Amino acid sequence: MFPGTDCHGTPITERAKQEGKSPAEIAEYYHKEFVETFNKMNFSYDMYSETETEYHQEKVKEIFKKLYDNGYIYEKIEPQAYCPKCRRLQGTFRFRTGVQKKPEMPWMPSWPWQPSRN
């Protein structure tokens, strides 16, 4: 297991927008909070990193390459929800798990799609 604070995911970028901060600032804040919480619980990892560190990125690439080379993961094209109002792809995990209600806006399959450069 190679745990680390996510520095690039949708929740981080959305929180950054809400608070008028950069994703790096939000990630750093929560990384510190997680480490403090783990320490209070006397819980530790051999290494708890952040996804933006070079070491973390190299290790993750290594793991994914091994999985790919052994046929456990593969490439494929899959439709994704696209919001024309937001002009971006929308993840469905939060909607499927009930964490967030699906917004009232037009949804359509997104493949093939061409992102706008505006």
C-alpha atoms as a PDB file:
ATOM      1  CA  MET A   1       0.000   0.000   0.000  1.00  0.00           C
ATOM      2  CA  PHE A   2       1.315   3.414  -0.927  1.00  0.00           C
ATOM      3  CA  PRO A   3      -0.892   6.049   0.707  1.00  0.00           C
ATOM      4  CA  GLY A   4      -0.771   9.771   0.148  1.00  0.00           C
ATOM      5  CA  THR A   5      -2.817  12.934   0.170  1.00  0.00           C
ATOM      6  CA  ASP A   6      -4.491  13.554  -3.194  1.00  0.00           C
ATOM      7  CA  CYS A   7      -3.211  16.875  -4.547  1.00  0.00           C
ATOM      8  CA  HIS A   8      -4.992  16.889  -7.900  1.00  0.00           C
ATOM      9  CA  GLY A   9      -8.433  15.309  -7.586  1.00  0.00           C
ATOM     10  CA  THR A  10     -11.817  16.878  -8.208  1.00  0.00           C
ATOM     11  CA  PRO A  11     -12.629  17.374  -4.492  1.00  0.00           C
ATOM     12  CA  ILE A  12      -9.350  19.294  -4.043  1.00  0.00           C
ATOM     13  CA  THR A  13      -9.869  21.524  -7.081  1.00  0.00           C
ATOM     14  CA  GLU A  14     -13.520  22.189  -6.213  1.00  0.00           C
ATOM     15  CA  ARG A  15     -12.651  23.092  -2.599  1.00  0.00           C
ATOM     16  CA  ALA A  16      -9.902  25.395  -3.865  1.00  0.00           C
ATOM     17  CA  LYS A  17     -12.406  27.225  -6.092  1.00  0.00           C
ATOM     18  CA  GLN A  18     -14.868  27.565  -3.194  1.00  0.00           C
ATOM     19  CA  GLU A  19     -12.228  28.996  -0.865  1.00  0.00           C
ATOM     20  CA  GLY A  20     -10.408  31.125  -3.443  1.00  0.00           C
ATOM     21  CA  LYS A  21      -7.169  29.206  -2.902  1.00  0.00           C
ATOM     22  CA  SER A  22      -4.898  27.100  -5.069  1.00  0.00           C
ATOM     23  CA  PRO A  23      -5.297  23.306  -5.114  1.00  0.00           C
ATOM     24  CA  ALA A  24      -1.765  23.090  -3.640  1.00  0.00           C
ATOM     25  CA  GLU A  25      -2.814  25.213  -0.626  1.00  0.00           C
ATOM     26  CA  ILE A  26      -5.877  23.039   0.012  1.00  0.00           C
ATOM     27  CA  ALA A  27      -3.902  19.810  -0.383  1.00  0.00           C
ATOM     28  CA  GLU A  28      -1.190  21.013   2.004  1.00  0.00           C
ATOM     29  CA  TYR A  29      -3.762  22.046   4.621  1.00  0.00           C
ATOM     30  CA  TYR A  30      -5.475  18.649   4.549  1.00  0.00           C
ATOM     31  CA  HIS A  31      -2.202  16.742   4.377  1.00  0.00           C
ATOM     32  CA  LYS A  32      -1.104  18.391   7.633  1.00  0.00           C
ATOM     33  CA  GLU A  33      -4.521  17.712   9.180  1.00  0.00           C
ATOM     34  CA  PHE A  34      -4.362  14.028   8.199  1.00  0.00           C
ATOM     35  CA  VAL A  35      -0.847  13.630   9.615  1.00  0.00           C
ATOM     36  CA  GLU A  36      -1.879  15.310  12.906  1.00  0.00           C
ATOM     37  CA  THR A  37      -4.944  13.054  13.141  1.00  0.00           C
ATOM     38  CA  PHE A  38      -2.884   9.928  12.459  1.00  0.00           C
ATOM     39  CA  ASN A  39      -0.380  10.980  15.144  1.00  0.00           C
ATOM     40  CA  LYS A  40      -3.158  11.553  17.709  1.00  0.00           C
ATOM     41  CA  MET A  41      -4.432   8.051  16.989  1.00  0.00           C
ATOM     42  CA  ASN A  42      -0.925   6.546  17.283  1.00  0.00           C
ATOM     43  CA  PHE A  43      -1.378   5.356  13.718  1.00  0.00           C
ATOM     44  CA  SER A  44       1.434   5.458  11.196  1.00  0.00           C
ATOM     45  CA  TYR A  45       2.426   4.445   7.713  1.00  0.00           C
ATOM     46  CA  ASP A  46       5.976   3.602   6.741  1.00  0.00           C
ATOM     47  CA  MET A  47       5.642   6.603   4.464  1.00  0.00           C
ATOM     48  CA  TYR A  48       2.663   8.921   4.064  1.00  0.00           C
ATOM     49  CA  SER A  49       3.268  11.123   1.066  1.00  0.00           C
ATOM     50  CA  GLU A  50       1.506  13.580  -1.218  1.00  0.00           C
ATOM     51  CA  THR A  51       0.566  12.690  -4.784  1.00  0.00           C
ATOM     52  CA  GLU A  52       2.586  15.578  -6.192  1.00  0.00           C
ATOM     53  CA  THR A  53       5.957  14.384  -4.865  1.00  0.00           C
ATOM     54  CA  GLU A  54       8.333  12.864  -7.389  1.00  0.00           C
ATOM     55  CA  TYR A  55       8.814   9.747  -5.252  1.00  0.00           C
ATOM     56  CA  HIS A  56       5.061   9.115  -5.034  1.00  0.00           C
ATOM     57  CA  GLN A  57       4.569   9.627  -8.765  1.00  0.00           C
ATOM     58  CA  GLU A  58       7.419   7.276  -9.685  1.00  0.00           C
ATOM     59  CA  LYS A  59       6.183   4.521  -7.353  1.00  0.00           C
ATOM     60  CA  VAL A  60       2.625   4.791  -8.667  1.00  0.00           C
ATOM     61  CA  LYS A  61       3.901   4.606 -12.276  1.00  0.00           C
ATOM     62  CA  GLU A  62       5.899   1.507 -11.328  1.00  0.00           C
ATOM     63  CA  ILE A  63       2.840  -0.201  -9.832  1.00  0.00           C
ATOM     64  CA  PHE A  64       0.546   0.679 -12.739  1.00  0.00           C
ATOM     65  CA  LYS A  65       3.115  -0.473 -15.299  1.00  0.00           C
ATOM     66  CA  LYS A  66       3.420  -3.816 -13.529  1.00  0.00           C
ATOM     67  CA  LEU A  67      -0.384  -4.177 -13.439  1.00  0.00           C
ATOM     68  CA  TYR A  68      -0.630  -3.223 -17.134  1.00  0.00           C
ATOM     69  CA  ASP A  69       2.210  -5.522 -18.202  1.00  0.00           C
ATOM     70  CA  ASN A  70       0.495  -8.435 -16.426  1.00  0.00           C
ATOM     71  CA  GLY A  71      -2.932  -7.775 -17.974  1.00  0.00           C
ATOM     72  CA  TYR A  72      -4.705  -6.595 -14.824  1.00  0.00           C
ATOM     73  CA  ILE A  73      -5.541  -3.196 -16.335  1.00  0.00           C
ATOM     74  CA  TYR A  74      -6.141  -2.280 -19.954  1.00  0.00           C
ATOM     75  CA  GLU A  75      -7.022   0.650 -22.155  1.00  0.00           C
ATOM     76  CA  LYS A  76     -10.550   1.257 -23.401  1.00  0.00           C
ATOM     77  CA  ILE A  77     -12.819   4.086 -24.440  1.00  0.00           C
ATOM     78  CA  GLU A  78     -15.804   4.627 -22.187  1.00  0.00           C
ATOM     79  CA  PRO A  79     -18.557   7.256 -22.334  1.00  0.00           C
ATOM     80  CA  GLN A  80     -18.490   9.881 -19.612  1.00  0.00           C
ATOM     81  CA  ALA A  81     -21.029  12.448 -18.521  1.00  0.00           C
ATOM     82  CA  TYR A  82     -20.354  15.872 -20.016  1.00  0.00           C
ATOM     83  CA  CYS A  83     -21.979  19.053 -18.786  1.00  0.00           C
ATOM     84  CA  PRO A  84     -22.351  21.601 -21.601  1.00  0.00           C
ATOM     85  CA  LYS A  85     -23.191  24.315 -19.058  1.00  0.00           C
ATOM     86  CA  CYS A  86     -19.954  23.719 -17.087  1.00  0.00           C
ATOM     87  CA  ARG A  87     -18.109  22.721 -20.270  1.00  0.00           C
ATOM     88  CA  ARG A  88     -16.335  19.821 -18.625  1.00  0.00           C
ATOM     89  CA  LEU A  89     -16.524  16.110 -17.969  1.00  0.00           C
ATOM     90  CA  GLN A  90     -18.338  15.142 -14.792  1.00  0.00           C
ATOM     91  CA  GLY A  91     -17.328  12.245 -12.575  1.00  0.00           C
ATOM     92  CA  THR A  92     -20.167   9.944 -11.610  1.00  0.00           C
ATOM     93  CA  PHE A  93     -18.761   8.376  -8.421  1.00  0.00           C
ATOM     94  CA  ARG A  94     -20.307  10.981  -6.122  1.00  0.00           C
ATOM     95  CA  PHE A  95     -23.698  10.639  -7.800  1.00  0.00           C
ATOM     96  CA  ARG A  96     -23.699   6.821  -7.758  1.00  0.00           C
ATOM     97  CA  THR A  97     -22.760   6.666  -4.082  1.00  0.00           C
ATOM     98  CA  GLY A  98     -25.240   9.331  -2.965  1.00  0.00           C
ATOM     99  CA  VAL A  99     -22.503  11.668  -1.689  1.00  0.00           C
ATOM    100  CA  GLN A 100     -23.820  14.379  -3.981  1.00  0.00           C
ATOM    101  CA  LYS A 101     -27.115  14.822  -5.810  1.00  0.00           C
ATOM    102  CA  LYS A 102     -26.934  14.961  -9.566  1.00  0.00           C
ATOM    103  CA  PRO A 103     -27.275  18.612 -10.631  1.00  0.00           C
ATOM    104  CA  GLU A 104     -30.207  19.741 -12.729  1.00  0.00           C
ATOM    105  CA  MET A 105     -28.518  20.310 -16.061  1.00  0.00           C
ATOM    106  CA  PRO A 106     -28.387  18.606 -19.426  1.00  0.00           C
ATOM    107  CA  TRP A 107     -26.247  15.476 -19.442  1.00  0.00           C
ATOM    108  CA  MET A 108     -25.108  13.532 -22.447  1.00  0.00           C
ATOM    109  CA  PRO A 109     -22.572  10.892 -23.362  1.00  0.00           C
ATOM    110  CA  SER A 110     -19.290  12.634 -24.005  1.00  0.00           C
ATOM    111  CA  TRP A 111     -17.417  10.370 -26.388  1.00  0.00           C
ATOM    112  CA  PRO A 112     -16.200  11.488 -28.817  1.00  0.00           C
ATOM    113  CA  TRP A 113     -15.829  14.974 -27.471  1.00  0.00           C
ATOM    114  CA  GLN A 114     -13.663  17.958 -28.192  1.00  0.00           C
ATOM    115  CA  PRO A 115     -12.857  20.155 -25.204  1.00  0.00           C
ATOM    116  CA  SER A 116     -13.128  23.857 -25.840  1.00  0.00           C
ATOM    117  CA  ARG A 117      -9.949  25.892 -25.626  1.00  0.00           C
ATOM    118  CA  ASN A 118     -11.812  28.965 -24.305  1.00  0.00           C
END
